[in-house]
Amino acid sequence: MEPLSEEQTNQLIVIVSDLARQGRTEALMEFFDHGLPVDVQDPGGNTPLMLAAYHGRAETVRALIGRGADVDRRNGRDQSPVAGALFKGEDAIVAALIAAGADLDAGTPSARAAAEMFGRTALLG
């Protein structure tokens, strides 16, 4: 099998990113089953985990964590998945990321700083 061209790779990343945003877990996992790295990043540096977390897709977040997604991989704006989920008020996702070992001090703003800004420090334990 020939390697993918840059254009094909970019198209694949768009599809995977959309599936993560939409919470289409089963379809998304097929790409990883066929060898796509779980921490693939879009042009903005967002991983499927970041996109799923930010868009409130708890099932997808849990599946990605189960596949070994890096819970601390920050995007091109230095934002972490846990801070993004906290910003969006996604308590179940914040809890799942913390349980998976997310660094609450990573990124800008960090999850701790975001929690303080929005009066949600109780989520962080």
Protein backbone atom coordinates (compact mmCIF):
# COMPACT_ATOMS: atom_id res chain seq x y z
CA MET A 1 0.00 0.00 0.00
CA GLU A 2 1.33 3.45 -0.94
CA PRO A 3 1.71 6.10 1.74
CA LEU A 4 -0.95 8.81 1.78
CA SER A 5 -0.26 12.08 0.04
CA GLU A 6 -0.23 15.28 2.06
CA GLU A 7 -3.66 16.16 0.63
CA GLN A 8 -5.06 12.75 1.58
CA THR A 9 -3.60 13.05 5.07
CA ASN A 10 -5.16 16.50 5.49
CA GLN A 11 -8.54 15.18 4.33
CA LEU A 12 -8.27 12.30 6.78
CA ILE A 13 -7.55 14.70 9.64
CA VAL A 14 -10.63 16.76 8.72
CA ILE A 15 -12.81 13.63 8.80
CA VAL A 16 -11.38 12.43 12.12
CA SER A 17 -11.74 15.90 13.65
CA ASP A 18 -15.39 16.09 12.57
CA LEU A 19 -16.12 12.64 14.00
CA ALA A 20 -14.57 13.67 17.33
CA ARG A 21 -16.60 16.91 17.44
CA GLN A 22 -19.80 15.02 16.62
CA GLY A 23 -19.16 12.27 19.16
CA ARG A 24 -19.30 9.53 16.54
CA THR A 25 -17.19 7.24 18.66
CA GLU A 26 -17.55 3.97 16.78
CA ALA A 27 -16.67 5.50 13.40
CA LEU A 28 -13.77 7.43 14.95
CA MET A 29 -12.30 4.32 16.58
CA GLU A 30 -12.22 2.59 13.16
CA PHE A 31 -9.50 5.02 12.05
CA PHE A 32 -7.37 4.16 15.07
CA ASP A 33 -8.02 0.44 14.53
CA HIS A 34 -6.45 0.88 11.10
CA GLY A 35 -3.29 2.57 12.33
CA LEU A 36 -4.00 6.29 12.58
CA PRO A 37 -2.22 7.70 15.66
CA VAL A 38 -4.73 8.54 18.40
CA ASP A 39 -3.04 11.89 19.03
CA VAL A 40 -3.17 13.09 15.42
CA GLN A 41 -3.46 16.89 15.34
CA ASP A 42 -5.37 19.24 13.06
CA PRO A 43 -3.71 22.44 11.76
CA GLY A 44 -4.62 24.17 15.04
CA GLY A 45 -2.91 21.46 17.06
CA ASN A 46 -6.19 19.99 18.31
CA THR A 47 -6.27 16.25 18.91
CA PRO A 48 -9.48 14.20 18.70
CA LEU A 49 -9.46 14.17 22.52
CA MET A 50 -9.34 17.97 22.68
CA LEU A 51 -12.19 18.29 20.18
CA ALA A 52 -14.35 15.66 21.86
CA ALA A 53 -13.74 17.19 25.31
CA TYR A 54 -14.53 20.72 24.16
CA HIS A 55 -17.71 19.60 22.41
CA GLY A 56 -19.05 17.60 25.36
CA ARG A 57 -18.66 14.11 23.91
CA ALA A 58 -18.10 12.12 27.12
CA GLU A 59 -18.36 8.66 25.53
CA THR A 60 -15.83 9.63 22.87
CA VAL A 61 -13.50 11.11 25.51
CA ARG A 62 -13.63 7.88 27.53
CA ALA A 63 -12.95 5.80 24.40
CA LEU A 64 -9.99 7.98 23.42
CA ILE A 65 -8.55 7.76 26.93
CA GLY A 66 -8.97 3.99 26.68
CA ARG A 67 -6.97 4.05 23.44
CA GLY A 68 -4.12 5.86 25.14
CA ALA A 69 -4.79 9.44 24.06
CA ASP A 70 -2.46 11.94 25.73
CA VAL A 71 -4.73 13.72 28.21
CA ASP A 72 -2.25 16.60 28.48
CA ARG A 73 -1.56 17.22 24.77
CA ARG A 74 -2.12 20.93 24.29
CA ASN A 75 -3.27 22.58 21.09
CA GLY A 76 -1.56 25.37 19.19
CA ARG A 77 -3.00 27.92 21.62
CA ASP A 78 -1.50 26.05 24.62
CA GLN A 79 -4.93 24.88 25.81
CA SER A 80 -5.34 21.50 27.47
CA PRO A 81 -8.36 19.20 27.08
CA VAL A 82 -9.25 19.46 30.79
CA ALA A 83 -9.20 23.27 30.71
CA GLY A 84 -11.35 23.26 27.56
CA ALA A 85 -13.89 20.91 29.13
CA LEU A 86 -13.93 22.98 32.31
CA PHE A 87 -14.48 26.17 30.30
CA LYS A 88 -17.45 24.53 28.54
CA GLY A 89 -18.97 23.23 31.81
CA GLU A 90 -18.49 19.56 30.92
CA ASP A 91 -18.24 18.16 34.45
CA ALA A 92 -18.30 14.46 33.47
CA ILE A 93 -15.48 15.02 31.00
CA VAL A 94 -13.45 17.02 33.52
CA ALA A 95 -13.86 14.13 35.98
CA ALA A 96 -12.82 11.53 33.36
CA LEU A 97 -9.73 13.53 32.39
CA ILE A 98 -8.73 14.04 36.02
CA ALA A 99 -9.22 10.32 36.70
CA ALA A 100 -6.94 9.63 33.72
CA GLY A 101 -4.22 11.79 35.27
CA ALA A 102 -4.69 15.12 33.49
CA ASP A 103 -2.29 17.80 34.71
CA LEU A 104 -4.42 20.59 36.18
CA ASP A 105 -1.54 23.04 35.91
CA ALA A 106 -0.78 22.46 32.19
CA GLY A 107 -1.59 24.99 29.51
CA THR A 108 -2.69 28.58 29.31
CA PRO A 109 -4.90 29.12 31.12
CA SER A 110 -4.44 26.03 33.25
CA ALA A 111 -7.46 24.08 34.43
CA ARG A 112 -6.91 25.49 37.92
CA ALA A 113 -6.90 29.05 36.57
CA ALA A 114 -10.00 28.38 34.45
CA ALA A 115 -11.77 26.87 37.47
CA GLU A 116 -11.01 29.96 39.52
CA MET A 117 -12.18 32.29 36.74
CA PHE A 118 -15.52 30.50 36.50
CA GLY A 119 -16.00 29.68 40.20
CA ARG A 120 -15.77 25.95 39.58
CA THR A 121 -12.87 24.97 41.84
CA ALA A 122 -14.98 22.30 43.59
CA LEU A 123 -14.62 20.13 40.45
CA LEU A 124 -10.90 19.89 40.98
CA GLY A 125 -11.17 18.24 44.37
